[in-house]
Amino acid sequence: MDELNARAVPSSAEAEQAVIGSMLIDADCIALVIEQLKANDFYFPQNRAIFETFVTMFLSGETIDPVTVLEKLKENGLFDETGGRSYLMQLMDITPTAAHVEEYIRILRDKTLLRETAEAAGRILESVYSGEGTAREIVENAERLLYDVREGREIKGLYHIKSVIFDVYEQLDELARNAGQLPGIPTGVGELDTFISGLNRSDLVLMASRPGMGKTSFALNIGLHAAKTTNKAVVIFQLEMSREQLGLRLMSSEALIDSRKLRTGTLNDDEWGRLAHASEVLSKTAMYIDDNPSLTVADMKSKCRRLGNNLGLIIIDYLQLMQSGKKVENRTTEVSDISRALKIMAKELNVPVLCCAQLSRAAEQRADKRPMLSDLRESGAIEQDADVVLFLYRDDYYNKETEDPNTAECIIAKNRHGATGTVKLHWLGQYTTFSSRDTVHGAG
């Protein structure tokens, strides 16, 4: 620790002076610099004070030149007449040209990144030696600290409403440029996308049902469609089945070959051909499968971060098999902790998280066995954490003499993006897949 502290702090006095000198020489540089740098990018106090003065004057719409800046510095008691004038003139003299200001900015940003990394490393070492928290918690916190440094975000930062409005305008501009396209990742079911606007960034989407309704198959349908249409990475955490079983389901769905034939290998020539084509299609997607049954949310977050900006969608099957990695009073509390962690993961990674869940037998005690939000109450706080709640229901599962066999219902029970309602689907059990139907029943 002492050796680390004794080392020189990463900084560049020359680059800091060149940035300020460029702003004094060429007023056109001022907006560019203020947009890309913050006060903490200047390590030396006198340079930071001058930059903050620039920012104040810029936001106030004041004229900025060496004379006005010096006057403002004097008013704020930061420099006296002689010292201030001498230092500003020195900055202008040593700056060869303002044309290279972006290179000077890059140097300062690199130095800031190194300082923040060193600070994060210090915090990590302190938590290790203090013994506060479990090893898993310390590792997770270390990962979060380094991730925040890499992403250039302030930990627990505050955002002024002006920057929020700017971000909203950017989103609206992007939507206007892509008029008619979904703001979120398409599910492959047009009627469902109409309700929820696709799978949106930072959303936690819960897909729940009783066993046997096909929630795993529907989740895989959505994941495969997303991977094929967006070219983004789709990560599937399968806590119940093996990756080979999951692969077999995907191949059956894509090739439209009876899954029982795939399990026994009794395929004819045409089916072998379709299987080869399906394998080629699947191989070209950026789908990743992890079948480790003991994963925590922290483990999942760590694995997904490694995919960087190419990450598009996370699918988890299913919630009740997950572990929090912490000692808790009861399972309901643990599930609440997990659901909250999933929502935080969706926000931090800025991708939709689709999590499957298994409902209790409460629905089966009713005459109408369609799931309701009240059926989630035994699952902790998942209902309040989820942005969208989808229920899958197949009447033929309970009623073999139904007039509409192989019809499934996707019930949108909660939707922060719009209306709730029901979308009809066609269930192709032999292929473990769903297909879209035209009938939609909506509710405001």
Foldseek 3Di string as FASTA:
>chain_A
DVVLVPDDQQDDPLLLLLLLLLCQVDVVCLVVLVVQDDLVLHPDVLSSVLNVLSVVCVVVVHDDHLVVSLVSCVVVVNDDPVRSNVSNVVSNVSHPHSVCNVVSSVSSLVSSLRNQLSVLVVVLVVCVVVVPDDPLVSVLSSVVSNVCSVVVHDVVDDDDVVVVVVVVVVLVVVCVVVPPAQQAQAQQAVVVCVFFSYQFFLFEEEEEEAPPLQPVLSLLSSQLSSQLPPLFEEEEEAQDDDVVVVVLLQLLQQLVAQSVCVVVVVDDPVSVVSSVVSVVSVVSTNYHYHHHQADALSNVLVVQVVSPPRHAEYEYEAQLSYFHPDDDDDSLVRLQVRLQSQSVSSNVRGYYYYHYDYFDCVLVVDPRSFDAPVSCVSNHCNVVSGQWYWYKDAPCVPPVPDPDHQKMKIWTRHHNRHWTFIFIWGHDPSSSHIHHDDDTGTDD
